[in-house]
């Protein structure tokens, strides 16, 4: 792979004791991985894309399990803000799943990847503006650290790529690799938060 060092979720040992700082760093990592996928080709592109798929899947799932529930119950207008973010996430997941089935050398791959990048970056800006800023202002350091711990646990437990056969064959066929990774991440977050 190229010389750019972008820690993939769970691969670094950053001492993130604040969920907002952790998720903001991941937004930067995601931008760097999009750059890496776009500027490489062949096996390097495939490997960079696998890292991107993993980080996006783990990141979004952790947000759905940690950030969105907090925002929904504690922010003024939180229900609608979260519903808007979830709609954006659904659209991005569909695009990501379609890309995951393509060969990275397919001529349609980069245009679709660039469209996904635009969706993801706009979504990240809205999260930062509406959810992250509220969480930072309204949450004490203990809760910020607990949420960060849950996100880090999910990252550390998620596989580096979806592995067909880890769950049942029927589950993999029904869910697809991206969805299966998201399910494993949900389980890890719930366990870290004492809900599983």
Protein backbone atom coordinates (compact mmCIF):
# COMPACT_ATOMS: atom_id res chain seq x y z
CA UNK A 1 0.00 0.00 0.00
CA UNK A 2 1.09 3.63 -0.29
CA UNK A 3 3.14 5.45 2.33
CA UNK A 4 0.15 7.35 3.71
CA UNK A 5 -0.43 6.15 7.25
CA UNK A 6 -4.09 6.35 8.07
CA UNK A 7 -5.05 4.37 11.15
CA UNK A 8 -8.07 2.25 10.38
CA UNK A 9 -10.63 1.97 13.12
CA UNK A 10 -9.20 -0.14 15.90
CA UNK A 11 -5.73 -0.31 14.33
CA UNK A 12 -4.34 2.63 16.25
CA UNK A 13 -3.76 3.08 19.94
CA UNK A 14 -4.87 6.70 20.24
CA UNK A 15 -5.94 7.62 23.75
CA UNK A 16 -9.36 8.91 22.69
CA UNK A 17 -11.21 9.70 25.89
CA UNK A 18 -13.78 11.88 24.15
CA UNK A 19 -16.23 10.33 21.69
CA UNK A 20 -16.47 13.55 19.68
CA UNK A 21 -12.69 13.79 19.23
CA UNK A 22 -12.59 10.12 18.25
CA UNK A 23 -15.36 10.41 15.67
CA UNK A 24 -13.92 13.65 14.25
CA UNK A 25 -10.57 11.90 13.81
CA UNK A 26 -12.34 9.06 12.04
CA UNK A 27 -13.99 11.55 9.69
CA UNK A 28 -10.48 12.68 8.75
CA UNK A 29 -9.33 9.06 8.34
CA UNK A 30 -12.29 8.41 6.03
CA UNK A 31 -11.39 11.43 3.88
CA UNK A 32 -7.78 10.19 3.66
CA UNK A 33 -8.92 6.72 2.64
CA UNK A 34 -11.14 8.11 -0.10
CA UNK A 35 -8.03 9.96 -1.38
CA UNK A 36 -5.99 6.77 -1.24
CA UNK A 37 -8.58 4.71 -3.13
CA UNK A 38 -8.86 7.38 -5.82
CA UNK A 39 -5.13 7.78 -6.42
CA UNK A 40 -4.16 4.08 -6.46
CA UNK A 41 -5.00 1.22 -8.77
CA UNK A 42 -4.94 -2.54 -8.96
CA UNK A 43 -4.24 -4.40 -5.72
CA UNK A 44 -3.38 -1.19 -3.85
CA UNK A 45 -6.81 0.22 -4.70
CA UNK A 46 -8.55 -2.99 -3.65
CA UNK A 47 -6.73 -2.98 -0.31
CA UNK A 48 -7.43 0.73 0.32
CA UNK A 49 -11.09 0.17 -0.55
CA UNK A 50 -11.31 -2.78 1.90
CA UNK A 51 -9.98 -0.44 4.63
CA UNK A 52 -12.50 2.23 3.61
CA UNK A 53 -15.42 -0.23 3.66
CA UNK A 54 -14.42 -1.46 7.10
CA UNK A 55 -13.97 1.99 8.62
CA UNK A 56 -17.22 3.31 7.14
CA UNK A 57 -19.18 0.27 8.31
CA UNK A 58 -17.74 0.32 11.82
CA UNK A 59 -17.95 4.12 12.14
CA UNK A 60 -21.56 4.44 10.99
CA UNK A 61 -22.71 1.48 13.04
CA UNK A 62 -21.02 2.82 16.16
CA UNK A 63 -22.70 6.19 15.59
CA UNK A 64 -26.06 4.46 15.20
CA UNK A 65 -25.56 2.59 18.46
CA UNK A 66 -23.87 5.32 20.56
CA UNK A 67 -24.32 8.84 19.18
CA UNK A 68 -27.79 8.74 17.64
CA UNK A 69 -29.58 7.28 20.67
CA UNK A 70 -27.99 9.94 22.89
CA UNK A 71 -28.93 12.71 20.43
CA UNK A 72 -32.46 11.39 20.00
CA UNK A 73 -33.26 11.43 23.72
CA UNK A 74 -31.35 14.54 24.83
CA UNK A 75 -31.24 17.10 22.00
CA UNK A 76 -34.05 19.55 21.29
CA UNK A 77 -35.45 18.28 17.98
CA UNK A 78 -33.23 15.23 18.34
CA UNK A 79 -35.76 12.81 16.89
CA UNK A 80 -35.88 14.63 13.53
CA UNK A 81 -32.13 15.30 13.45
CA UNK A 82 -31.44 11.59 13.96
CA UNK A 83 -34.04 10.54 11.39
CA UNK A 84 -32.38 12.83 8.83
CA UNK A 85 -28.93 11.35 9.58
CA UNK A 86 -30.29 7.79 9.39
CA UNK A 87 -31.83 8.50 5.96
CA UNK A 88 -28.44 9.76 4.76
CA UNK A 89 -26.72 6.70 6.22
CA UNK A 90 -29.17 4.33 4.51
CA UNK A 91 -28.47 5.93 1.13
CA UNK A 92 -24.72 5.75 1.67
CA UNK A 93 -24.92 2.11 2.78
CA UNK A 94 -26.77 1.20 -0.41
CA UNK A 95 -24.11 2.89 -2.51
CA UNK A 96 -21.34 1.27 -0.45
CA UNK A 97 -22.90 -2.18 -0.83
CA UNK A 98 -23.15 -1.72 -4.61
CA UNK A 99 -19.52 -0.58 -4.77
CA UNK A 100 -18.46 -3.54 -2.62
CA UNK A 101 -19.83 -5.89 -5.29
CA UNK A 102 -17.89 -4.15 -8.08
CA UNK A 103 -14.34 -4.72 -9.20
CA UNK A 104 -12.28 -1.66 -8.25
CA UNK A 105 -10.88 -1.62 -11.81
CA UNK A 106 -14.38 -1.34 -13.33
CA UNK A 107 -14.67 1.96 -15.26
CA UNK A 108 -17.83 2.79 -13.28
CA UNK A 109 -16.13 2.30 -9.91
CA UNK A 110 -14.43 5.70 -9.51
CA UNK A 111 -17.44 7.81 -10.58
CA UNK A 112 -19.63 5.89 -8.11
CA UNK A 113 -16.95 6.17 -5.42
CA UNK A 114 -16.80 9.95 -5.93
CA UNK A 115 -20.58 10.17 -5.58
CA UNK A 116 -20.35 8.19 -2.34
CA UNK A 117 -17.59 10.49 -1.12
CA UNK A 118 -19.81 13.53 -1.68
CA UNK A 119 -22.67 11.87 0.24
CA UNK A 120 -20.40 10.83 3.10
CA UNK A 121 -18.73 14.22 3.45
CA UNK A 122 -22.04 16.07 3.50
CA UNK A 123 -23.36 13.61 6.08
CA UNK A 124 -20.23 14.09 8.24
CA UNK A 125 -20.61 17.89 8.13
CA UNK A 126 -24.20 17.61 9.35
CA UNK A 127 -23.25 15.22 12.15
CA UNK A 128 -20.48 17.55 13.27
CA UNK A 129 -22.74 20.59 13.16
CA UNK A 130 -25.89 19.18 14.73
CA UNK A 131 -24.96 16.19 16.87
CA UNK A 132 -21.28 16.45 17.77
CA UNK A 133 -21.39 20.10 18.81
CA UNK A 134 -24.38 19.44 21.07
CA UNK A 135 -22.78 16.35 22.62
CA UNK A 136 -19.57 18.26 23.33
CA UNK A 137 -21.45 21.12 25.02
CA UNK A 138 -23.90 19.05 27.02
CA UNK A 139 -22.02 15.93 28.10
CA UNK A 140 -19.60 15.51 30.98
CA UNK A 141 -16.16 13.96 30.50
CA UNK A 142 -17.21 10.67 32.07
CA UNK A 143 -20.01 10.12 29.55
CA UNK A 144 -17.82 11.30 26.66
CA UNK A 145 -15.22 8.74 27.72
CA UNK A 146 -17.79 5.95 28.14
CA UNK A 147 -19.15 6.57 24.64
CA UNK A 148 -15.60 6.65 23.25
CA UNK A 149 -14.87 3.34 24.97
CA UNK A 150 -17.90 1.74 23.29
CA UNK A 151 -16.83 3.03 19.87
CA UNK A 152 -13.23 1.83 20.39
CA UNK A 153 -14.46 -1.60 21.51
CA UNK A 154 -16.49 -1.94 18.34
CA UNK A 155 -13.51 -0.98 16.21
CA UNK A 156 -11.18 -3.38 17.95
CA UNK A 157 -13.58 -6.31 17.64
CA UNK A 158 -14.67 -5.79 14.05
CA UNK A 159 -12.79 -7.87 11.49
CA UNK A 160 -10.51 -6.17 8.98
CA UNK A 161 -12.92 -7.25 6.25
CA UNK A 162 -16.16 -9.15 6.05
CA UNK A 163 -15.48 -12.89 6.24
CA UNK A 164 -18.12 -15.03 4.56
CA UNK A 165 -18.87 -18.08 6.65
CA UNK A 166 -18.29 -16.41 10.03
CA UNK A 167 -22.03 -16.31 10.50
CA UNK A 168 -24.42 -18.75 8.91
CA UNK A 169 -24.45 -19.01 5.15
CA UNK A 170 -28.07 -17.91 5.09
CA UNK A 171 -27.26 -14.78 7.10
CA UNK A 172 -24.44 -13.83 4.76
CA UNK A 173 -26.63 -14.30 1.71
CA UNK A 174 -29.41 -12.25 3.23
CA UNK A 175 -27.26 -9.47 4.65
CA UNK A 176 -24.28 -9.21 2.35
CA UNK A 177 -20.75 -8.53 3.57
CA UNK A 178 -21.22 -4.85 4.53
CA UNK A 179 -24.41 -5.53 6.47
CA UNK A 180 -22.83 -8.52 8.22
CA UNK A 181 -19.91 -6.33 9.34
CA UNK A 182 -22.37 -3.75 10.66
CA UNK A 183 -24.21 -6.42 12.62
CA UNK A 184 -20.98 -7.64 14.23
CA UNK A 185 -20.13 -4.05 15.12
CA UNK A 186 -23.55 -3.51 16.74
CA UNK A 187 -22.96 -6.58 18.87
CA UNK A 188 -19.54 -5.28 19.96
CA UNK A 189 -20.93 -1.83 20.87
CA UNK A 190 -23.79 -3.32 22.86
CA UNK A 191 -21.42 -5.60 24.73
CA UNK A 192 -19.07 -2.69 25.54
CA UNK A 193 -22.00 -0.64 26.83
CA UNK A 194 -23.25 -3.53 28.97
CA UNK A 195 -26.38 -4.04 26.86
CA UNK A 196 -25.57 -7.38 25.32
